[in-house]
Amino acid sequence: MAHYHHGNLKQALLNAGLHFIKQEKPLTIRGLAKAVDVTPAAVYRHFTNKEALLAQLAEEGFKKMHQAFSDIKAPTAKERLFRIGEAYIHFALNHPEHFHIMFSRFDWHSETFDELTELGNATFESLASTCRELMSDETQAEWLIAATWSQVHGYAMLSLRKCTDSCEQPELFPNDAAVIRHLIEATWGPHFPDSDR
């Protein structure tokens, strides 16, 4: 019989939620309650519904990603952009469940969760502001933002699914850093700054 948890139930529920995502199991309040051996009523004391729990996990993810971006030390904006790309991929590989929730399982633009939206915007701005610093032309800067995020996110998804590992030409993917630098520079060609800024 389920009983009320007397430890850190909220964290136990968050951990259980991550496990459900990792195992690709349907996430329900009843399932969470059973996983941590409490009643559904005890779960509702911490989360009004499963979306609230997913939002909390997404917030955790954006906090970790934003911190990773903030910790980057680079001599130029160009180098910082490369390292943001690398950090993005490393975050996805090291925190796959959070990454999945942040971008696949939850709409972080929802007006229901203001803190989540704020964290998501702040994290994105780390990349966006670096692109604007590199490109004096506003239109080019916006294109660089869209292209860079698309490339980095796409490569992160391929890496998570081990697609790059099974490629018949592994020399095309020597390491994450090399791939990201090549993608960004190749996309912009002559428009990308030759000298570091």
C-alpha atoms as a PDB file:
ATOM      1  CA  MET A   1       0.000   0.000   0.000  1.00  0.00           C
ATOM      2  CA  ALA A   2       1.295   3.478  -0.907  1.00  0.00           C
ATOM      3  CA  HIS A   3       2.195   5.830   1.902  1.00  0.00           C
ATOM      4  CA  TYR A   4       3.229   9.444   2.246  1.00  0.00           C
ATOM      5  CA  HIS A   5       6.892  10.054   1.619  1.00  0.00           C
ATOM      6  CA  HIS A   6       8.719  11.684   4.509  1.00  0.00           C
ATOM      7  CA  GLY A   7      11.942  12.530   2.651  1.00  0.00           C
ATOM      8  CA  ASN A   8      12.421  14.836  -0.293  1.00  0.00           C
ATOM      9  CA  LEU A   9       9.341  13.746  -2.206  1.00  0.00           C
ATOM     10  CA  LYS A  10       9.503  16.526  -4.758  1.00  0.00           C
ATOM     11  CA  GLN A  11      13.006  15.540  -5.883  1.00  0.00           C
ATOM     12  CA  ALA A  12      12.036  11.865  -5.844  1.00  0.00           C
ATOM     13  CA  LEU A  13       9.153  12.670  -8.185  1.00  0.00           C
ATOM     14  CA  LEU A  14      11.422  14.657 -10.498  1.00  0.00           C
ATOM     15  CA  ASN A  15      13.895  11.771 -10.597  1.00  0.00           C
ATOM     16  CA  ALA A  16      11.069   9.360 -11.347  1.00  0.00           C
ATOM     17  CA  GLY A  17       9.858  11.645 -14.120  1.00  0.00           C
ATOM     18  CA  LEU A  18      13.294  11.592 -15.741  1.00  0.00           C
ATOM     19  CA  HIS A  19      13.317   7.813 -15.497  1.00  0.00           C
ATOM     20  CA  PHE A  20       9.945   7.607 -17.239  1.00  0.00           C
ATOM     21  CA  ILE A  21      11.288   9.794 -20.062  1.00  0.00           C
ATOM     22  CA  LYS A  22      14.455   7.704 -20.330  1.00  0.00           C
ATOM     23  CA  GLN A  23      12.422   4.500 -20.540  1.00  0.00           C
ATOM     24  CA  GLU A  24       9.973   6.167 -22.955  1.00  0.00           C
ATOM     25  CA  LYS A  25       7.059   5.246 -20.725  1.00  0.00           C
ATOM     26  CA  PRO A  26       3.791   7.209 -20.547  1.00  0.00           C
ATOM     27  CA  LEU A  27       4.023   9.779 -17.772  1.00  0.00           C
ATOM     28  CA  THR A  28       1.000   9.928 -15.463  1.00  0.00           C
ATOM     29  CA  ILE A  29       0.403  11.111 -11.920  1.00  0.00           C
ATOM     30  CA  ARG A  30      -0.730   7.628 -10.936  1.00  0.00           C
ATOM     31  CA  GLY A  31       2.407   6.122 -12.460  1.00  0.00           C
ATOM     32  CA  LEU A  32       4.640   8.597 -10.646  1.00  0.00           C
ATOM     33  CA  ALA A  33       2.892   7.888  -7.360  1.00  0.00           C
ATOM     34  CA  LYS A  34       3.409   4.169  -7.791  1.00  0.00           C
ATOM     35  CA  ALA A  35       7.060   4.641  -8.743  1.00  0.00           C
ATOM     36  CA  VAL A  36       7.904   6.429  -5.491  1.00  0.00           C
ATOM     37  CA  ASP A  37       5.414   4.490  -3.349  1.00  0.00           C
ATOM     38  CA  VAL A  38       3.065   7.306  -2.386  1.00  0.00           C
ATOM     39  CA  THR A  39      -0.585   8.111  -3.021  1.00  0.00           C
ATOM     40  CA  PRO A  40      -1.591  10.271  -6.015  1.00  0.00           C
ATOM     41  CA  ALA A  41      -2.800  12.844  -3.481  1.00  0.00           C
ATOM     42  CA  ALA A  42       0.764  13.170  -2.191  1.00  0.00           C
ATOM     43  CA  VAL A  43       1.998  13.896  -5.735  1.00  0.00           C
ATOM     44  CA  TYR A  44      -0.616  16.623  -6.200  1.00  0.00           C
ATOM     45  CA  ARG A  45       0.750  18.383  -3.120  1.00  0.00           C
ATOM     46  CA  HIS A  46       3.847  19.196  -5.190  1.00  0.00           C
ATOM     47  CA  PHE A  47       2.586  19.237  -8.785  1.00  0.00           C
ATOM     48  CA  THR A  48      -0.892  20.188  -9.948  1.00  0.00           C
ATOM     49  CA  ASN A  49      -0.524  17.967 -13.021  1.00  0.00           C
ATOM     50  CA  LYS A  50       2.135  16.211 -15.080  1.00  0.00           C
ATOM     51  CA  GLU A  51       2.733  19.364 -17.146  1.00  0.00           C
ATOM     52  CA  ALA A  52       3.833  21.161 -13.970  1.00  0.00           C
ATOM     53  CA  LEU A  53       6.379  18.415 -13.289  1.00  0.00           C
ATOM     54  CA  LEU A  54       7.636  18.543 -16.875  1.00  0.00           C
ATOM     55  CA  ALA A  55       7.956  22.319 -16.582  1.00  0.00           C
ATOM     56  CA  GLN A  56      10.083  21.905 -13.456  1.00  0.00           C
ATOM     57  CA  LEU A  57      12.358  19.457 -15.276  1.00  0.00           C
ATOM     58  CA  ALA A  58      12.607  21.788 -18.257  1.00  0.00           C
ATOM     59  CA  GLU A  59      13.559  24.636 -15.899  1.00  0.00           C
ATOM     60  CA  GLU A  60      16.308  22.461 -14.415  1.00  0.00           C
ATOM     61  CA  GLY A  61      17.591  21.799 -17.908  1.00  0.00           C
ATOM     62  CA  PHE A  62      17.648  25.425 -18.978  1.00  0.00           C
ATOM     63  CA  LYS A  63      19.404  26.407 -15.759  1.00  0.00           C
ATOM     64  CA  LYS A  64      22.126  23.837 -16.437  1.00  0.00           C
ATOM     65  CA  MET A  65      22.471  24.867 -20.080  1.00  0.00           C
ATOM     66  CA  HIS A  66      22.513  28.580 -19.279  1.00  0.00           C
ATOM     67  CA  GLN A  67      25.179  28.022 -16.653  1.00  0.00           C
ATOM     68  CA  ALA A  68      27.271  26.075 -19.146  1.00  0.00           C
ATOM     69  CA  PHE A  69      27.054  28.987 -21.590  1.00  0.00           C
ATOM     70  CA  SER A  70      27.847  31.514 -18.839  1.00  0.00           C
ATOM     71  CA  ASP A  71      30.973  29.565 -17.844  1.00  0.00           C
ATOM     72  CA  ILE A  72      32.453  29.872 -21.345  1.00  0.00           C
ATOM     73  CA  LYS A  73      35.586  31.976 -21.473  1.00  0.00           C
ATOM     74  CA  ALA A  74      36.680  32.935 -24.983  1.00  0.00           C
ATOM     75  CA  PRO A  75      38.953  35.682 -26.301  1.00  0.00           C
ATOM     76  CA  THR A  76      36.601  36.602 -29.171  1.00  0.00           C
ATOM     77  CA  ALA A  77      32.908  36.464 -30.065  1.00  0.00           C
ATOM     78  CA  LYS A  78      33.713  34.092 -32.915  1.00  0.00           C
ATOM     79  CA  GLU A  79      35.410  31.620 -30.601  1.00  0.00           C
ATOM     80  CA  ARG A  80      32.620  32.027 -28.048  1.00  0.00           C
ATOM     81  CA  LEU A  81      30.047  31.082 -30.698  1.00  0.00           C
ATOM     82  CA  PHE A  82      31.965  27.902 -31.495  1.00  0.00           C
ATOM     83  CA  ARG A  83      32.194  27.001 -27.818  1.00  0.00           C
ATOM     84  CA  ILE A  84      28.491  27.663 -27.259  1.00  0.00           C
ATOM     85  CA  GLY A  85      27.815  25.175 -30.033  1.00  0.00           C
ATOM     86  CA  GLU A  86      30.075  22.612 -28.388  1.00  0.00           C
ATOM     87  CA  ALA A  87      28.496  23.221 -24.969  1.00  0.00           C
ATOM     88  CA  TYR A  88      25.027  22.776 -26.469  1.00  0.00           C
ATOM     89  CA  ILE A  89      25.945  19.361 -27.852  1.00  0.00           C
ATOM     90  CA  HIS A  90      27.715  18.264 -24.691  1.00  0.00           C
ATOM     91  CA  PHE A  91      24.660  19.252 -22.638  1.00  0.00           C
ATOM     92  CA  ALA A  92      22.398  17.183 -24.894  1.00  0.00           C
ATOM     93  CA  LEU A  93      24.655  14.145 -24.575  1.00  0.00           C
ATOM     94  CA  ASN A  94      25.140  14.479 -20.820  1.00  0.00           C
ATOM     95  CA  HIS A  95      21.503  15.336 -19.993  1.00  0.00           C
ATOM     96  CA  PRO A  96      19.446  13.613 -22.706  1.00  0.00           C
ATOM     97  CA  GLU A  97      16.233  13.364 -20.672  1.00  0.00           C
ATOM     98  CA  HIS A  98      16.273  17.061 -19.778  1.00  0.00           C
ATOM     99  CA  PHE A  99      17.112  17.927 -23.383  1.00  0.00           C
ATOM    100  CA  HIS A 100      14.207  15.867 -24.657  1.00  0.00           C
ATOM    101  CA  ILE A 101      11.746  17.533 -22.294  1.00  0.00           C
ATOM    102  CA  MET A 102      13.054  21.024 -23.033  1.00  0.00           C
ATOM    103  CA  PHE A 103      12.593  20.775 -26.777  1.00  0.00           C
ATOM    104  CA  SER A 104      10.286  17.844 -27.524  1.00  0.00           C
ATOM    105  CA  ARG A 105       7.926  17.237 -24.632  1.00  0.00           C
ATOM    106  CA  PHE A 106       7.119  20.718 -23.442  1.00  0.00           C
ATOM    107  CA  ASP A 107       6.164  24.098 -24.885  1.00  0.00           C
ATOM    108  CA  TRP A 108       8.436  26.439 -22.959  1.00  0.00           C
ATOM    109  CA  HIS A 109       6.747  29.434 -24.574  1.00  0.00           C
ATOM    110  CA  SER A 110       3.548  28.661 -22.693  1.00  0.00           C
ATOM    111  CA  GLU A 111       2.217  31.670 -20.793  1.00  0.00           C
ATOM    112  CA  THR A 112       1.326  29.306 -17.960  1.00  0.00           C
ATOM    113  CA  PHE A 113       4.959  28.966 -16.897  1.00  0.00           C
ATOM    114  CA  ASP A 114       6.585  32.395 -16.855  1.00  0.00           C
ATOM    115  CA  GLU A 115       9.817  31.313 -15.154  1.00  0.00           C
ATOM    116  CA  LEU A 116      10.363  28.575 -17.709  1.00  0.00           C
ATOM    117  CA  THR A 117       9.858  31.008 -20.591  1.00  0.00           C
ATOM    118  CA  GLU A 118      12.250  33.479 -18.965  1.00  0.00           C
ATOM    119  CA  LEU A 119      14.927  30.815 -18.540  1.00  0.00           C
ATOM    120  CA  GLY A 120      14.504  29.610 -22.106  1.00  0.00           C
ATOM    121  CA  ASN A 121      14.796  33.130 -23.486  1.00  0.00           C
ATOM    122  CA  ALA A 122      17.847  33.912 -21.361  1.00  0.00           C
ATOM    123  CA  THR A 123      19.581  30.750 -22.550  1.00  0.00           C
ATOM    124  CA  PHE A 124      18.803  31.472 -26.197  1.00  0.00           C
ATOM    125  CA  GLU A 125      20.021  35.053 -25.788  1.00  0.00           C
ATOM    126  CA  SER A 126      23.523  33.790 -24.989  1.00  0.00           C
ATOM    127  CA  LEU A 127      23.750  32.502 -28.545  1.00  0.00           C
ATOM    128  CA  ALA A 128      21.796  35.372 -30.113  1.00  0.00           C
ATOM    129  CA  SER A 129      23.836  38.163 -28.541  1.00  0.00           C
ATOM    130  CA  THR A 130      27.069  36.521 -29.680  1.00  0.00           C
ATOM    131  CA  CYS A 131      25.773  36.338 -33.261  1.00  0.00           C
ATOM    132  CA  ARG A 132      24.761  40.007 -33.157  1.00  0.00           C
ATOM    133  CA  GLU A 133      28.210  40.908 -31.897  1.00  0.00           C
ATOM    134  CA  LEU A 134      29.725  39.169 -34.909  1.00  0.00           C
ATOM    135  CA  MET A 135      27.443  40.619 -37.571  1.00  0.00           C
ATOM    136  CA  SER A 136      27.031  44.371 -37.831  1.00  0.00           C
ATOM    137  CA  ASP A 137      24.156  43.932 -40.286  1.00  0.00           C
ATOM    138  CA  GLU A 138      20.964  43.139 -38.376  1.00  0.00           C
ATOM    139  CA  THR A 139      19.493  40.906 -41.087  1.00  0.00           C
ATOM    140  CA  GLN A 140      22.676  38.855 -41.371  1.00  0.00           C
ATOM    141  CA  ALA A 141      22.811  38.550 -37.598  1.00  0.00           C
ATOM    142  CA  GLU A 142      19.287  37.160 -37.455  1.00  0.00           C
ATOM    143  CA  TRP A 143      20.090  34.659 -40.197  1.00  0.00           C
ATOM    144  CA  LEU A 144      23.224  33.615 -38.341  1.00  0.00           C
ATOM    145  CA  ILE A 145      21.188  33.074 -35.181  1.00  0.00           C
ATOM    146  CA  ALA A 146      18.644  30.875 -36.967  1.00  0.00           C
ATOM    147  CA  ALA A 147      21.255  28.936 -38.937  1.00  0.00           C
ATOM    148  CA  THR A 148      23.558  28.332 -35.993  1.00  0.00           C
ATOM    149  CA  TRP A 149      20.822  27.152 -33.653  1.00  0.00           C
ATOM    150  CA  SER A 150      19.365  24.885 -36.349  1.00  0.00           C
ATOM    151  CA  GLN A 151      22.741  23.352 -37.134  1.00  0.00           C
ATOM    152  CA  VAL A 152      23.780  22.819 -33.530  1.00  0.00           C
ATOM    153  CA  HIS A 153      20.401  21.439 -32.479  1.00  0.00           C
ATOM    154  CA  GLY A 154      20.244  19.157 -35.500  1.00  0.00           C
ATOM    155  CA  TYR A 155      23.716  17.798 -34.871  1.00  0.00           C
ATOM    156  CA  ALA A 156      22.870  17.287 -31.194  1.00  0.00           C
ATOM    157  CA  MET A 157      19.826  15.223 -32.190  1.00  0.00           C
ATOM    158  CA  LEU A 158      21.884  13.136 -34.619  1.00  0.00           C
ATOM    159  CA  SER A 159      24.486  12.549 -31.914  1.00  0.00           C
ATOM    160  CA  LEU A 160      21.846  11.511 -29.374  1.00  0.00           C
ATOM    161  CA  ARG A 161      20.482   8.945 -31.814  1.00  0.00           C
ATOM    162  CA  LYS A 162      24.011   7.643 -32.500  1.00  0.00           C
ATOM    163  CA  CYS A 163      23.583   8.453 -36.191  1.00  0.00           C
ATOM    164  CA  THR A 164      27.086   9.895 -36.478  1.00  0.00           C
ATOM    165  CA  ASP A 165      28.548   6.747 -34.907  1.00  0.00           C
ATOM    166  CA  SER A 166      27.114   4.519 -37.633  1.00  0.00           C
ATOM    167  CA  CYS A 167      28.055   6.776 -40.538  1.00  0.00           C
ATOM    168  CA  GLU A 168      29.880   4.907 -43.328  1.00  0.00           C
ATOM    169  CA  GLN A 169      32.341   7.805 -43.509  1.00  0.00           C
ATOM    170  CA  PRO A 170      33.366   8.389 -39.878  1.00  0.00           C
ATOM    171  CA  GLU A 171      36.081  10.792 -41.003  1.00  0.00           C
ATOM    172  CA  LEU A 172      33.279  13.283 -41.658  1.00  0.00           C
ATOM    173  CA  PHE A 173      32.686  13.458 -37.901  1.00  0.00           C
ATOM    174  CA  PRO A 174      36.160  13.663 -36.296  1.00  0.00           C
ATOM    175  CA  ASN A 175      34.814  15.353 -33.158  1.00  0.00           C
ATOM    176  CA  ASP A 176      31.989  17.645 -32.106  1.00  0.00           C
ATOM    177  CA  ALA A 177      34.119  20.784 -32.028  1.00  0.00           C
ATOM    178  CA  ALA A 178      35.443  20.285 -35.550  1.00  0.00           C
ATOM    179  CA  VAL A 179      31.990  19.588 -36.964  1.00  0.00           C
ATOM    180  CA  ILE A 180      30.395  22.639 -35.357  1.00  0.00           C
ATOM    181  CA  ARG A 181      33.165  24.965 -36.514  1.00  0.00           C
ATOM    182  CA  HIS A 182      32.918  23.628 -40.045  1.00  0.00           C
ATOM    183  CA  LEU A 183      29.114  23.901 -40.144  1.00  0.00           C
ATOM    184  CA  ILE A 184      29.045  27.493 -38.958  1.00  0.00           C
ATOM    185  CA  GLU A 185      31.895  28.698 -41.161  1.00  0.00           C
ATOM    186  CA  ALA A 186      30.739  26.803 -44.250  1.00  0.00           C
ATOM    187  CA  THR A 187      27.232  28.196 -43.979  1.00  0.00           C
ATOM    188  CA  TRP A 188      28.396  31.783 -43.980  1.00  0.00           C
ATOM    189  CA  GLY A 189      31.468  31.520 -46.167  1.00  0.00           C
ATOM    190  CA  PRO A 190      32.577  35.025 -47.216  1.00  0.00           C
ATOM    191  CA  HIS A 191      30.003  36.651 -44.916  1.00  0.00           C
ATOM    192  CA  PHE A 192      31.572  35.195 -41.806  1.00  0.00           C
ATOM    193  CA  PRO A 193      34.269  37.422 -40.234  1.00  0.00           C
ATOM    194  CA  ASP A 194      37.764  36.386 -41.364  1.00  0.00           C
ATOM    195  CA  SER A 195      39.369  37.990 -38.360  1.00  0.00           C
ATOM    196  CA  ASP A 196      38.322  37.308 -34.801  1.00  0.00           C
ATOM    197  CA  ARG A 197      36.123  39.822 -33.040  1.00  0.00           C
END
